[in-house]
C-alpha atoms as a PDB file:
ATOM      1  CA  MET A   1     -61.466  52.517 -77.872  1.00  0.00           C
ATOM      2  CA  VAL A   2     -57.840  51.976 -76.820  1.00  0.00           C
ATOM      3  CA  TYR A   3     -57.029  49.390 -74.179  1.00  0.00           C
ATOM      4  CA  ARG A   4     -54.904  51.218 -71.623  1.00  0.00           C
ATOM      5  CA  VAL A   5     -53.084  48.311 -69.952  1.00  0.00           C
ATOM      6  CA  PRO A   6     -49.709  47.780 -71.684  1.00  0.00           C
ATOM      7  CA  LYS A   7     -49.296  44.365 -73.293  1.00  0.00           C
ATOM      8  CA  ARG A   8     -46.475  42.587 -75.080  1.00  0.00           C
ATOM      9  CA  ILE A   9     -47.404  42.110 -78.732  1.00  0.00           C
ATOM     10  CA  LEU A  10     -45.725  39.940 -81.362  1.00  0.00           C
ATOM     11  CA  LEU A  11     -45.842  41.325 -84.905  1.00  0.00           C
ATOM     12  CA  THR A  12     -45.155  38.615 -87.468  1.00  0.00           C
ATOM     13  CA  GLY A  13     -43.943  40.295 -90.652  1.00  0.00           C
ATOM     14  CA  GLY A  14     -43.553  43.419 -88.562  1.00  0.00           C
ATOM     15  CA  ALA A  15     -40.790  44.927 -90.708  1.00  0.00           C
ATOM     16  CA  GLY A  16     -43.054  45.155 -93.755  1.00  0.00           C
ATOM     17  CA  TYR A  17     -45.101  48.082 -95.014  1.00  0.00           C
ATOM     18  CA  ILE A  18     -48.182  47.790 -92.789  1.00  0.00           C
ATOM     19  CA  GLY A  19     -46.347  45.956 -90.003  1.00  0.00           C
ATOM     20  CA  SER A  20     -43.779  48.717 -89.506  1.00  0.00           C
ATOM     21  CA  HIS A  21     -46.455  51.400 -89.245  1.00  0.00           C
ATOM     22  CA  THR A  22     -48.396  49.238 -86.800  1.00  0.00           C
ATOM     23  CA  TYR A  23     -45.241  48.829 -84.711  1.00  0.00           C
ATOM     24  CA  VAL A  24     -45.088  52.621 -84.323  1.00  0.00           C
ATOM     25  CA  ALA A  25     -48.801  52.893 -83.506  1.00  0.00           C
ATOM     26  CA  LEU A  26     -48.599  50.159 -80.867  1.00  0.00           C
ATOM     27  CA  ARG A  27     -45.527  51.699 -79.241  1.00  0.00           C
ATOM     28  CA  GLN A  28     -47.263  55.073 -79.164  1.00  0.00           C
ATOM     29  CA  ALA A  29     -50.202  53.371 -77.429  1.00  0.00           C
ATOM     30  CA  GLY A  30     -47.823  52.159 -74.718  1.00  0.00           C
ATOM     31  CA  HIS A  31     -47.410  48.511 -75.683  1.00  0.00           C
ATOM     32  CA  ASP A  32     -44.179  46.507 -75.777  1.00  0.00           C
ATOM     33  CA  VAL A  33     -43.698  45.058 -79.256  1.00  0.00           C
ATOM     34  CA  VAL A  34     -41.504  42.304 -80.673  1.00  0.00           C
ATOM     35  CA  ILE A  35     -41.032  41.911 -84.436  1.00  0.00           C
ATOM     36  CA  LEU A  36     -40.626  38.494 -86.062  1.00  0.00           C
ATOM     37  CA  ASP A  37     -39.604  38.723 -89.726  1.00  0.00           C
ATOM     38  CA  ASN A  38     -37.505  36.715 -92.173  1.00  0.00           C
ATOM     39  CA  PHE A  39     -36.852  39.874 -94.254  1.00  0.00           C
ATOM     40  CA  SER A  40     -37.806  38.108 -97.479  1.00  0.00           C
ATOM     41  CA  ASN A  41     -39.910  41.134 -98.430  1.00  0.00           C
ATOM     42  CA  ALA A  42     -38.613  43.852 -96.104  1.00  0.00           C
ATOM     43  CA  ARG A  43     -35.405  45.822 -95.738  1.00  0.00           C
ATOM     44  CA  ARG A  44     -33.298  45.389 -92.604  1.00  0.00           C
ATOM     45  CA  SER A  45     -32.776  49.155 -92.572  1.00  0.00           C
ATOM     46  CA  VAL A  46     -36.411  49.476 -91.490  1.00  0.00           C
ATOM     47  CA  VAL A  47     -35.357  48.494 -87.963  1.00  0.00           C
ATOM     48  CA  ALA A  48     -33.008  51.466 -87.629  1.00  0.00           C
ATOM     49  CA  ARG A  49     -35.714  53.777 -88.979  1.00  0.00           C
ATOM     50  CA  LEU A  50     -38.201  52.458 -86.426  1.00  0.00           C
ATOM     51  CA  GLU A  51     -35.655  53.139 -83.690  1.00  0.00           C
ATOM     52  CA  GLN A  52     -35.278  56.676 -85.014  1.00  0.00           C
ATOM     53  CA  ILE A  53     -39.056  57.228 -84.977  1.00  0.00           C
ATOM     54  CA  THR A  54     -39.706  55.700 -81.551  1.00  0.00           C
ATOM     55  CA  GLY A  55     -36.451  56.716 -79.858  1.00  0.00           C
ATOM     56  CA  ALA A  56     -35.958  53.216 -78.459  1.00  0.00           C
ATOM     57  CA  PRO A  57     -34.368  49.896 -79.460  1.00  0.00           C
ATOM     58  CA  VAL A  58     -36.578  47.610 -81.556  1.00  0.00           C
ATOM     59  CA  PRO A  59     -36.692  43.964 -80.422  1.00  0.00           C
ATOM     60  CA  VAL A  60     -36.377  41.833 -83.570  1.00  0.00           C
ATOM     61  CA  VAL A  61     -36.259  38.084 -84.028  1.00  0.00           C
ATOM     62  CA  GLU A  62     -35.162  37.047 -87.515  1.00  0.00           C
ATOM     63  CA  GLY A  63     -36.830  33.857 -88.630  1.00  0.00           C
ATOM     64  CA  ASP A  64     -39.721  32.129 -90.358  1.00  0.00           C
ATOM     65  CA  ILE A  65     -43.221  31.595 -88.987  1.00  0.00           C
ATOM     66  CA  ARG A  66     -43.064  27.977 -90.203  1.00  0.00           C
ATOM     67  CA  ASP A  67     -40.254  27.266 -87.707  1.00  0.00           C
ATOM     68  CA  ASN A  68     -41.893  25.532 -84.720  1.00  0.00           C
ATOM     69  CA  ALA A  69     -38.844  25.607 -82.468  1.00  0.00           C
ATOM     70  CA  LEU A  70     -38.203  29.286 -83.136  1.00  0.00           C
ATOM     71  CA  LEU A  71     -41.786  30.220 -82.329  1.00  0.00           C
ATOM     72  CA  ASP A  72     -41.677  28.288 -79.071  1.00  0.00           C
ATOM     73  CA  ARG A  73     -38.549  30.212 -78.073  1.00  0.00           C
ATOM     74  CA  VAL A  74     -40.162  33.546 -78.958  1.00  0.00           C
ATOM     75  CA  PHE A  75     -43.244  32.865 -76.831  1.00  0.00           C
ATOM     76  CA  THR A  76     -41.139  31.569 -73.936  1.00  0.00           C
ATOM     77  CA  ASP A  77     -38.499  34.300 -73.991  1.00  0.00           C
ATOM     78  CA  HIS A  78     -40.824  37.256 -74.533  1.00  0.00           C
ATOM     79  CA  ARG A  79     -44.008  36.170 -72.714  1.00  0.00           C
ATOM     80  CA  ILE A  80     -46.242  37.369 -75.551  1.00  0.00           C
ATOM     81  CA  ASP A  81     -49.809  38.455 -74.700  1.00  0.00           C
ATOM     82  CA  ALA A  82     -51.184  38.720 -78.248  1.00  0.00           C
ATOM     83  CA  VAL A  83     -50.151  38.461 -81.888  1.00  0.00           C
ATOM     84  CA  VAL A  84     -50.765  40.645 -84.931  1.00  0.00           C
ATOM     85  CA  HIS A  85     -50.177  38.379 -87.907  1.00  0.00           C
ATOM     86  CA  PHE A  86     -48.912  40.103 -91.066  1.00  0.00           C
ATOM     87  CA  ALA A  87     -46.373  37.529 -92.290  1.00  0.00           C
ATOM     88  CA  ALA A  88     -47.641  36.286 -95.660  1.00  0.00           C
ATOM     89  CA  LEU A  89     -46.996  36.370 -99.372  1.00  0.00           C
ATOM     90  CA  LYS A  90     -49.302  38.955-100.935  1.00  0.00           C
ATOM     91  CA  ALA A  91     -48.899  39.470-104.711  1.00  0.00           C
ATOM     92  CA  VAL A  92     -51.967  38.362-106.662  1.00  0.00           C
ATOM     93  CA  GLY A  93     -50.097  37.787-109.938  1.00  0.00           C
ATOM     94  CA  GLU A  94     -47.289  35.852-108.277  1.00  0.00           C
ATOM     95  CA  SER A  95     -49.828  33.659-106.506  1.00  0.00           C
ATOM     96  CA  MET A  96     -51.185  32.563-109.885  1.00  0.00           C
ATOM     97  CA  ALA A  97     -47.690  31.447-110.925  1.00  0.00           C
ATOM     98  CA  LYS A  98     -46.618  29.976-107.554  1.00  0.00           C
ATOM     99  CA  PRO A  99     -49.748  28.708-105.788  1.00  0.00           C
ATOM    100  CA  LEU A 100     -47.895  26.118-103.698  1.00  0.00           C
ATOM    101  CA  ASP A 101     -45.635  28.809-102.225  1.00  0.00           C
ATOM    102  CA  TYR A 102     -48.704  30.813-101.219  1.00  0.00           C
ATOM    103  CA  PHE A 103     -50.461  27.906 -99.541  1.00  0.00           C
ATOM    104  CA  ASP A 104     -47.229  26.847 -97.822  1.00  0.00           C
ATOM    105  CA  VAL A 105     -46.470  30.273 -96.337  1.00  0.00           C
ATOM    106  CA  ASN A 106     -49.945  31.710 -95.853  1.00  0.00           C
ATOM    107  CA  ILE A 107     -51.746  28.596 -94.611  1.00  0.00           C
ATOM    108  CA  GLY A 108     -48.849  26.493 -93.341  1.00  0.00           C
ATOM    109  CA  GLY A 109     -47.353  29.494 -91.570  1.00  0.00           C
ATOM    110  CA  LEU A 110     -50.658  30.441 -89.945  1.00  0.00           C
ATOM    111  CA  THR A 111     -51.208  26.859 -88.757  1.00  0.00           C
ATOM    112  CA  THR A 112     -47.715  26.689 -87.249  1.00  0.00           C
ATOM    113  CA  LEU A 113     -48.203  30.046 -85.541  1.00  0.00           C
ATOM    114  CA  LEU A 114     -51.576  29.100 -84.052  1.00  0.00           C
ATOM    115  CA  ARG A 115     -50.210  25.825 -82.676  1.00  0.00           C
ATOM    116  CA  ALA A 116     -47.315  27.693 -81.044  1.00  0.00           C
ATOM    117  CA  MET A 117     -49.734  30.245 -79.586  1.00  0.00           C
ATOM    118  CA  ASP A 118     -51.915  27.470 -78.209  1.00  0.00           C
ATOM    119  CA  ARG A 119     -48.935  25.752 -76.572  1.00  0.00           C
ATOM    120  CA  ALA A 120     -47.973  29.066 -74.974  1.00  0.00           C
ATOM    121  CA  GLY A 121     -51.505  29.841 -73.781  1.00  0.00           C
ATOM    122  CA  CYS A 122     -51.547  33.007 -75.920  1.00  0.00           C
ATOM    123  CA  ARG A 123     -54.958  33.042 -77.613  1.00  0.00           C
ATOM    124  CA  ARG A 124     -55.528  36.582 -78.870  1.00  0.00           C
ATOM    125  CA  ILE A 125     -54.663  37.343 -82.475  1.00  0.00           C
ATOM    126  CA  VAL A 126     -55.406  40.042 -85.050  1.00  0.00           C
ATOM    127  CA  PHE A 127     -55.344  38.581 -88.557  1.00  0.00           C
ATOM    128  CA  SER A 128     -54.328  40.641 -91.563  1.00  0.00           C
ATOM    129  CA  SER A 129     -56.966  39.809 -94.162  1.00  0.00           C
ATOM    130  CA  SER A 130     -57.983  41.554 -97.361  1.00  0.00           C
ATOM    131  CA  ALA A 131     -60.915  42.786 -99.405  1.00  0.00           C
ATOM    132  CA  THR A 132     -59.615  40.245-101.935  1.00  0.00           C
ATOM    133  CA  VAL A 133     -61.820  37.697-100.144  1.00  0.00           C
ATOM    134  CA  TYR A 134     -64.848  39.333-101.813  1.00  0.00           C
ATOM    135  CA  GLY A 135     -63.548  38.751-105.349  1.00  0.00           C
ATOM    136  CA  VAL A 136     -65.857  40.703-107.652  1.00  0.00           C
ATOM    137  CA  PRO A 137     -68.539  41.750-105.145  1.00  0.00           C
ATOM    138  CA  ASP A 138     -72.241  41.966-105.921  1.00  0.00           C
ATOM    139  CA  GLU A 139     -72.641  45.288-104.154  1.00  0.00           C
ATOM    140  CA  THR A 140     -70.649  48.358-103.263  1.00  0.00           C
ATOM    141  CA  PRO A 141     -70.044  49.698-100.680  1.00  0.00           C
ATOM    142  CA  THR A 142     -69.211  46.097 -99.824  1.00  0.00           C
ATOM    143  CA  PRO A 143     -70.301  44.868 -96.371  1.00  0.00           C
ATOM    144  CA  GLU A 144     -68.651  42.160 -94.283  1.00  0.00           C
ATOM    145  CA  THR A 145     -71.635  39.903 -95.056  1.00  0.00           C
ATOM    146  CA  ALA A 146     -70.717  39.755 -98.754  1.00  0.00           C
ATOM    147  CA  PRO A 147     -69.979  36.168 -99.848  1.00  0.00           C
ATOM    148  CA  PHE A 148     -66.446  34.839-100.215  1.00  0.00           C
ATOM    149  CA  ARG A 149     -65.391  34.644-103.848  1.00  0.00           C
ATOM    150  CA  ALA A 150     -61.846  33.507-104.544  1.00  0.00           C
ATOM    151  CA  MET A 151     -60.367  34.869-107.783  1.00  0.00           C
ATOM    152  CA  ASN A 152     -56.740  33.770-107.229  1.00  0.00           C
ATOM    153  CA  PRO A 153     -54.617  31.666-104.851  1.00  0.00           C
ATOM    154  CA  TYR A 154     -53.725  34.694-102.709  1.00  0.00           C
ATOM    155  CA  GLY A 155     -57.389  35.477-102.098  1.00  0.00           C
ATOM    156  CA  GLN A 156     -58.098  31.814-101.439  1.00  0.00           C
ATOM    157  CA  THR A 157     -55.416  31.705 -98.721  1.00  0.00           C
ATOM    158  CA  LYS A 158     -57.035  34.658 -96.967  1.00  0.00           C
ATOM    159  CA  ILE A 159     -60.439  32.947 -97.124  1.00  0.00           C
ATOM    160  CA  LEU A 160     -59.008  29.695 -95.768  1.00  0.00           C
ATOM    161  CA  GLY A 161     -57.153  31.604 -93.051  1.00  0.00           C
ATOM    162  CA  GLU A 162     -60.353  33.308 -91.944  1.00  0.00           C
ATOM    163  CA  GLU A 163     -62.252  30.011 -91.986  1.00  0.00           C
ATOM    164  CA  MET A 164     -59.530  28.282 -89.970  1.00  0.00           C
ATOM    165  CA  LEU A 165     -59.683  31.029 -87.362  1.00  0.00           C
ATOM    166  CA  ALA A 166     -63.483  30.875 -87.198  1.00  0.00           C
ATOM    167  CA  TRP A 167     -63.436  27.113 -86.546  1.00  0.00           C
ATOM    168  CA  LEU A 168     -60.698  27.568 -83.949  1.00  0.00           C
ATOM    169  CA  ALA A 169     -62.702  30.191 -82.071  1.00  0.00           C
ATOM    170  CA  GLN A 170     -65.746  27.931 -82.184  1.00  0.00           C
ATOM    171  CA  SER A 171     -63.742  25.019 -80.765  1.00  0.00           C
ATOM    172  CA  ASN A 172     -62.360  26.951 -77.799  1.00  0.00           C
ATOM    173  CA  PRO A 173     -63.915  30.124 -76.336  1.00  0.00           C
ATOM    174  CA  ASP A 174     -60.525  31.153 -74.919  1.00  0.00           C
ATOM    175  CA  TRP A 175     -59.585  32.355 -78.402  1.00  0.00           C
ATOM    176  CA  ALA A 176     -60.356  35.993 -79.218  1.00  0.00           C
ATOM    177  CA  ILE A 177     -59.697  36.764 -82.879  1.00  0.00           C
ATOM    178  CA  GLY A 178     -59.887  40.031 -84.796  1.00  0.00           C
ATOM    179  CA  VAL A 179     -60.108  39.770 -88.575  1.00  0.00           C
ATOM    180  CA  LEU A 180     -59.328  42.990 -90.457  1.00  0.00           C
ATOM    181  CA  ARG A 181     -60.120  43.131 -94.168  1.00  0.00           C
ATOM    182  CA  TYR A 182     -58.021  45.884 -95.717  1.00  0.00           C
ATOM    183  CA  PHE A 183     -59.068  47.750 -98.800  1.00  0.00           C
ATOM    184  CA  ASN A 184     -56.240  49.755-100.462  1.00  0.00           C
ATOM    185  CA  PRO A 185     -53.486  50.889 -98.067  1.00  0.00           C
ATOM    186  CA  ALA A 186     -51.598  53.963 -99.276  1.00  0.00           C
ATOM    187  CA  GLY A 187     -49.279  56.696 -98.075  1.00  0.00           C
ATOM    188  CA  ALA A 188     -46.418  56.613 -95.595  1.00  0.00           C
ATOM    189  CA  HIS A 189     -45.474  57.651 -92.079  1.00  0.00           C
ATOM    190  CA  ARG A 190     -45.419  61.392 -91.488  1.00  0.00           C
ATOM    191  CA  SER A 191     -41.686  61.216 -90.666  1.00  0.00           C
ATOM    192  CA  GLY A 192     -40.815  60.082 -94.186  1.00  0.00           C
ATOM    193  CA  LEU A 193     -38.721  57.282 -92.655  1.00  0.00           C
ATOM    194  CA  ILE A 194     -40.958  54.291 -93.447  1.00  0.00           C
ATOM    195  CA  GLY A 195     -43.333  53.573 -96.300  1.00  0.00           C
ATOM    196  CA  GLU A 196     -44.125  51.214 -99.144  1.00  0.00           C
ATOM    197  CA  ASP A 197     -41.009  50.103-101.012  1.00  0.00           C
ATOM    198  CA  PRO A 198     -41.797  47.479-103.677  1.00  0.00           C
ATOM    199  CA  ALA A 199     -38.705  45.774-105.080  1.00  0.00           C
ATOM    200  CA  ASP A 200     -40.099  45.424-108.607  1.00  0.00           C
ATOM    201  CA  ILE A 201     -42.845  46.968-110.746  1.00  0.00           C
ATOM    202  CA  PRO A 202     -45.706  47.626-108.298  1.00  0.00           C
ATOM    203  CA  ASN A 203     -49.109  45.976-108.585  1.00  0.00           C
ATOM    204  CA  ASN A 204     -50.890  48.809-106.785  1.00  0.00           C
ATOM    205  CA  LEU A 205     -51.641  52.220-108.236  1.00  0.00           C
ATOM    206  CA  MET A 206     -50.008  54.642-105.791  1.00  0.00           C
ATOM    207  CA  PRO A 207     -46.507  53.099-105.678  1.00  0.00           C
ATOM    208  CA  PHE A 208     -46.675  52.892-109.478  1.00  0.00           C
ATOM    209  CA  VAL A 209     -47.544  56.599-109.660  1.00  0.00           C
ATOM    210  CA  ALA A 210     -44.686  57.300-107.236  1.00  0.00           C
ATOM    211  CA  LYS A 211     -42.188  55.554-109.501  1.00  0.00           C
ATOM    212  CA  VAL A 212     -43.353  57.693-112.424  1.00  0.00           C
ATOM    213  CA  ALA A 213     -42.967  60.813-110.260  1.00  0.00           C
ATOM    214  CA  LEU A 214     -39.404  59.727-109.484  1.00  0.00           C
ATOM    215  CA  GLY A 215     -38.656  59.101-113.162  1.00  0.00           C
ATOM    216  CA  GLU A 216     -38.107  55.369-112.610  1.00  0.00           C
ATOM    217  CA  LEU A 217     -41.029  54.518-114.913  1.00  0.00           C
ATOM    218  CA  ASP A 218     -42.077  56.445-118.012  1.00  0.00           C
ATOM    219  CA  ARG A 219     -45.829  56.726-117.586  1.00  0.00           C
ATOM    220  CA  ILE A 220     -48.870  55.439-115.726  1.00  0.00           C
ATOM    221  CA  ALA A 221     -51.090  52.839-117.352  1.00  0.00           C
ATOM    222  CA  VAL A 222     -54.795  53.565-116.815  1.00  0.00           C
ATOM    223  CA  PHE A 223     -56.728  50.358-117.400  1.00  0.00           C
ATOM    224  CA  GLY A 224     -59.968  51.555-118.977  1.00  0.00           C
ATOM    225  CA  ASP A 225     -61.705  54.934-119.102  1.00  0.00           C
ATOM    226  CA  ASP A 226     -65.177  53.759-120.098  1.00  0.00           C
ATOM    227  CA  TYR A 227     -66.516  52.557-116.749  1.00  0.00           C
ATOM    228  CA  ASP A 228     -69.775  53.903-115.360  1.00  0.00           C
ATOM    229  CA  THR A 229     -67.963  56.267-112.988  1.00  0.00           C
ATOM    230  CA  PRO A 230     -67.752  60.085-112.934  1.00  0.00           C
ATOM    231  CA  ASP A 231     -64.585  60.218-115.074  1.00  0.00           C
ATOM    232  CA  GLY A 232     -64.741  56.741-116.624  1.00  0.00           C
ATOM    233  CA  THR A 233     -61.836  55.286-114.632  1.00  0.00           C
ATOM    234  CA  GLY A 234     -62.027  52.728-111.861  1.00  0.00           C
ATOM    235  CA  VAL A 235     -62.830  53.907-108.343  1.00  0.00           C
ATOM    236  CA  ARG A 236     -61.195  52.345-105.282  1.00  0.00           C
ATOM    237  CA  ASP A 237     -61.253  52.877-101.524  1.00  0.00           C
ATOM    238  CA  TYR A 238     -57.786  54.041-100.429  1.00  0.00           C
ATOM    239  CA  ILE A 239     -56.933  54.157 -96.727  1.00  0.00           C
ATOM    240  CA  HIS A 240     -53.922  55.930 -95.258  1.00  0.00           C
ATOM    241  CA  VAL A 241     -51.522  53.399 -93.761  1.00  0.00           C
ATOM    242  CA  GLU A 242     -51.376  55.351 -90.481  1.00  0.00           C
ATOM    243  CA  ASP A 243     -55.159  55.069 -90.174  1.00  0.00           C
ATOM    244  CA  LEU A 244     -54.871  51.373 -90.979  1.00  0.00           C
ATOM    245  CA  ALA A 245     -52.202  50.902 -88.296  1.00  0.00           C
ATOM    246  CA  ARG A 246     -54.424  52.613 -85.747  1.00  0.00           C
ATOM    247  CA  GLY A 247     -57.153  50.119 -86.633  1.00  0.00           C
ATOM    248  CA  HIS A 248     -54.915  47.318 -85.364  1.00  0.00           C
ATOM    249  CA  VAL A 249     -54.438  49.072 -82.037  1.00  0.00           C
ATOM    250  CA  LEU A 250     -58.200  49.402 -81.683  1.00  0.00           C
ATOM    251  CA  SER A 251     -58.732  45.775 -82.681  1.00  0.00           C
ATOM    252  CA  LEU A 252     -56.317  44.533 -80.023  1.00  0.00           C
ATOM    253  CA  GLY A 253     -57.934  46.784 -77.446  1.00  0.00           C
ATOM    254  CA  ARG A 254     -61.316  45.310 -78.255  1.00  0.00           C
ATOM    255  CA  LEU A 255     -59.997  41.746 -77.902  1.00  0.00           C
ATOM    256  CA  PHE A 256     -58.466  42.463 -74.490  1.00  0.00           C
ATOM    257  CA  GLU A 257     -61.447  44.421 -73.217  1.00  0.00           C
ATOM    258  CA  THR A 258     -64.221  42.030 -74.260  1.00  0.00           C
ATOM    259  CA  GLY A 259     -62.571  38.662 -74.971  1.00  0.00           C
ATOM    260  CA  GLN A 260     -64.812  38.549 -78.039  1.00  0.00           C
ATOM    261  CA  GLY A 261     -63.735  38.356 -81.670  1.00  0.00           C
ATOM    262  CA  HIS A 262     -64.778  40.531 -84.586  1.00  0.00           C
ATOM    263  CA  CYS A 263     -64.460  40.790 -88.358  1.00  0.00           C
ATOM    264  CA  VAL A 264     -64.483  44.243 -89.958  1.00  0.00           C
ATOM    265  CA  ASN A 265     -63.530  46.071 -93.123  1.00  0.00           C
ATOM    266  CA  LEU A 266     -60.881  48.753 -92.792  1.00  0.00           C
ATOM    267  CA  GLY A 267     -61.513  51.396 -95.412  1.00  0.00           C
ATOM    268  CA  THR A 268     -62.803  54.935 -95.667  1.00  0.00           C
ATOM    269  CA  GLY A 269     -66.223  54.191 -97.136  1.00  0.00           C
ATOM    270  CA  ARG A 270     -65.558  56.461-100.114  1.00  0.00           C
ATOM    271  CA  GLY A 271     -63.675  55.980-103.332  1.00  0.00           C
ATOM    272  CA  TYR A 272     -61.233  57.857-105.551  1.00  0.00           C
ATOM    273  CA  SER A 273     -60.805  57.292-109.262  1.00  0.00           C
ATOM    274  CA  VAL A 274     -57.510  56.557-110.980  1.00  0.00           C
ATOM    275  CA  LEU A 275     -57.465  60.043-112.473  1.00  0.00           C
ATOM    276  CA  GLU A 276     -58.218  61.612-109.077  1.00  0.00           C
ATOM    277  CA  VAL A 277     -55.241  59.777-107.581  1.00  0.00           C
ATOM    278  CA  ILE A 278     -52.970  60.947-110.399  1.00  0.00           C
ATOM    279  CA  ALA A 279     -54.154  64.548-109.993  1.00  0.00           C
ATOM    280  CA  ALA A 280     -53.633  64.453-106.221  1.00  0.00           C
ATOM    281  CA  TYR A 281     -50.146  63.002-106.586  1.00  0.00           C
ATOM    282  CA  LYS A 282     -49.314  65.677-109.155  1.00  0.00           C
ATOM    283  CA  ARG A 283     -50.252  68.296-106.573  1.00  0.00           C
ATOM    284  CA  ALA A 284     -48.056  66.554-104.002  1.00  0.00           C
ATOM    285  CA  CYS A 285     -44.915  66.275-106.127  1.00  0.00           C
ATOM    286  CA  ASN A 286     -45.454  69.306-108.386  1.00  0.00           C
ATOM    287  CA  ARG A 287     -44.346  67.280-111.413  1.00  0.00           C
ATOM    288  CA  ASP A 288     -45.972  66.167-114.617  1.00  0.00           C
ATOM    289  CA  LEU A 289     -47.234  62.579-114.435  1.00  0.00           C
ATOM    290  CA  PRO A 290     -47.721  61.204-117.961  1.00  0.00           C
ATOM    291  CA  HIS A 291     -50.374  58.529-118.332  1.00  0.00           C
ATOM    292  CA  HIS A 292     -51.979  56.568-121.136  1.00  0.00           C
ATOM    293  CA  ILE A 293     -55.289  54.761-121.440  1.00  0.00           C
ATOM    294  CA  THR A 294     -55.154  51.057-122.166  1.00  0.00           C
ATOM    295  CA  ASP A 295     -57.594  48.147-122.149  1.00  0.00           C
ATOM    296  CA  ARG A 296     -59.535  47.118-119.089  1.00  0.00           C
ATOM    297  CA  ARG A 297     -58.029  44.306-117.060  1.00  0.00           C
ATOM    298  CA  PRO A 298     -60.044  41.092-116.705  1.00  0.00           C
ATOM    299  CA  GLY A 299     -61.820  40.951-113.346  1.00  0.00           C
ATOM    300  CA  ASP A 300     -61.635  44.677-112.609  1.00  0.00           C
ATOM    301  CA  VAL A 301     -64.878  46.245-111.398  1.00  0.00           C
ATOM    302  CA  PRO A 302     -65.959  49.884-111.822  1.00  0.00           C
ATOM    303  CA  ILE A 303     -66.189  50.688-108.097  1.00  0.00           C
ATOM    304  CA  TYR A 304     -64.753  48.837-105.103  1.00  0.00           C
ATOM    305  CA  VAL A 305     -65.465  50.601-101.814  1.00  0.00           C
ATOM    306  CA  ALA A 306     -65.757  49.364 -98.234  1.00  0.00           C
ATOM    307  CA  SER A 307     -68.809  49.560 -96.105  1.00  0.00           C
ATOM    308  CA  ALA A 308     -67.099  51.108 -93.082  1.00  0.00           C
ATOM    309  CA  ASP A 309     -70.010  51.194 -90.650  1.00  0.00           C
ATOM    310  CA  LYS A 310     -69.176  48.023 -88.720  1.00  0.00           C
ATOM    311  CA  ALA A 311     -65.606  49.128 -87.916  1.00  0.00           C
ATOM    312  CA  ALA A 312     -67.008  52.380 -86.525  1.00  0.00           C
ATOM    313  CA  GLU A 313     -69.605  50.526 -84.458  1.00  0.00           C
ATOM    314  CA  VAL A 314     -67.413  47.702 -83.128  1.00  0.00           C
ATOM    315  CA  LEU A 315     -64.008  49.400 -82.838  1.00  0.00           C
ATOM    316  CA  GLY A 316     -64.835  53.087 -82.819  1.00  0.00           C
ATOM    317  CA  PHE A 317     -62.672  53.290 -85.946  1.00  0.00           C
ATOM    318  CA  ARG A 318     -62.943  56.195 -88.341  1.00  0.00           C
ATOM    319  CA  THR A 319     -60.310  57.339 -90.801  1.00  0.00           C
ATOM    320  CA  GLU A 320     -58.681  60.732 -90.292  1.00  0.00           C
ATOM    321  CA  LYS A 321     -56.597  61.246 -93.438  1.00  0.00           C
ATOM    322  CA  GLY A 322     -57.714  61.799 -97.016  1.00  0.00           C
ATOM    323  CA  LEU A 323     -56.248  61.354-100.486  1.00  0.00           C
ATOM    324  CA  ASP A 324     -54.111  64.515-100.449  1.00  0.00           C
ATOM    325  CA  GLU A 325     -52.436  63.397 -97.208  1.00  0.00           C
ATOM    326  CA  MET A 326     -51.834  59.927 -98.652  1.00  0.00           C
ATOM    327  CA  CYS A 327     -50.142  61.377-101.721  1.00  0.00           C
ATOM    328  CA  ALA A 328     -48.142  63.998 -99.818  1.00  0.00           C
ATOM    329  CA  SER A 329     -46.834  61.447 -97.323  1.00  0.00           C
ATOM    330  CA  SER A 330     -46.014  58.990-100.111  1.00  0.00           C
ATOM    331  CA  TRP A 331     -44.021  61.636-101.977  1.00  0.00           C
ATOM    332  CA  ASN A 332     -42.235  62.689 -98.779  1.00  0.00           C
ATOM    333  CA  TRP A 333     -41.242  59.038 -98.299  1.00  0.00           C
ATOM    334  CA  VAL A 334     -40.147  58.111-101.825  1.00  0.00           C
ATOM    335  CA  SER A 335     -38.261  61.366-102.413  1.00  0.00           C
ATOM    336  CA  ASN A 336     -36.225  60.703 -99.252  1.00  0.00           C
ATOM    337  CA  ILE A 337     -35.828  56.931 -99.398  1.00  0.00           C
ATOM    338  CA  GLY A 338     -32.427  57.135-101.137  1.00  0.00           C
ATOM    339  CA  GLU A 339     -31.036  58.882 -98.073  1.00  0.00           C
ATOM    340  CA  THR A 340     -32.456  56.350 -95.609  1.00  0.00           C
ATOM    341  CA  ALA A 341     -32.330  53.023 -97.442  1.00  0.00           C
END
């Protein structure tokens, strides 16, 4: 389902990895889009790349979502119809070391944004959440009904954000809120112009594998090979970032069409093991990818896969790209990033 009436959408954190791909998907769906980003975790060169992909200027406001006055100006100047909220700190390990920063940005920023939206009479928002809210789930595939289980400050901020939005919607039926719980975004845009570009050693598997393929890191650490999985390594649900971006378009369409909120997982419903990812990336880059087995990490589970049925039912969302396309697009991106950065 794609809502056909063009709207003006504000993307907070829209220059980031998922935000930039969603910008392209929304523009392709016919919407006008404004990016708000403080570029604390995104490169300014992304804007020029988005212009190259879309063939049009990219409206960008540089600033922080905790800035009340700035947000009021954005909503007044651009007459925003809905918001997709990406702007947040997102590294699990960093959140353990800097919990106050995470609550300040992720909860304080969301509160400031929602107040500005309310003042402007703009009450449709898609919230970027995470499978992190499930912690170590009791079942897999993991459904949306699984209990919240915070394992770190980052996950706790996503839980609190969801709860805040649920209470807000209950207090005023004018609010229509889409909550999207991502599993493991991977890959890059087919153009090779935008993709994931971590500034330091990545926390996620695929950008780590990419850095080994580029020769920036020596080898891939595989945390445990004695799980009860087909090859002994952990299995995760990876979703191509272009599929994920399309999910946001569908979510917005649903909000505009029905005025009703929803909460869904965005994943494929199937998992790939660490060794399967390494093998697929090796096919993509045609290079040797050394790896070594090390101890399991505390809190890791053997299999972590989304139940994807509700997204299909509510949004008509089904993924189109598999692991080989994720790896090929990632390699196309990272092997060209030096020319475009």
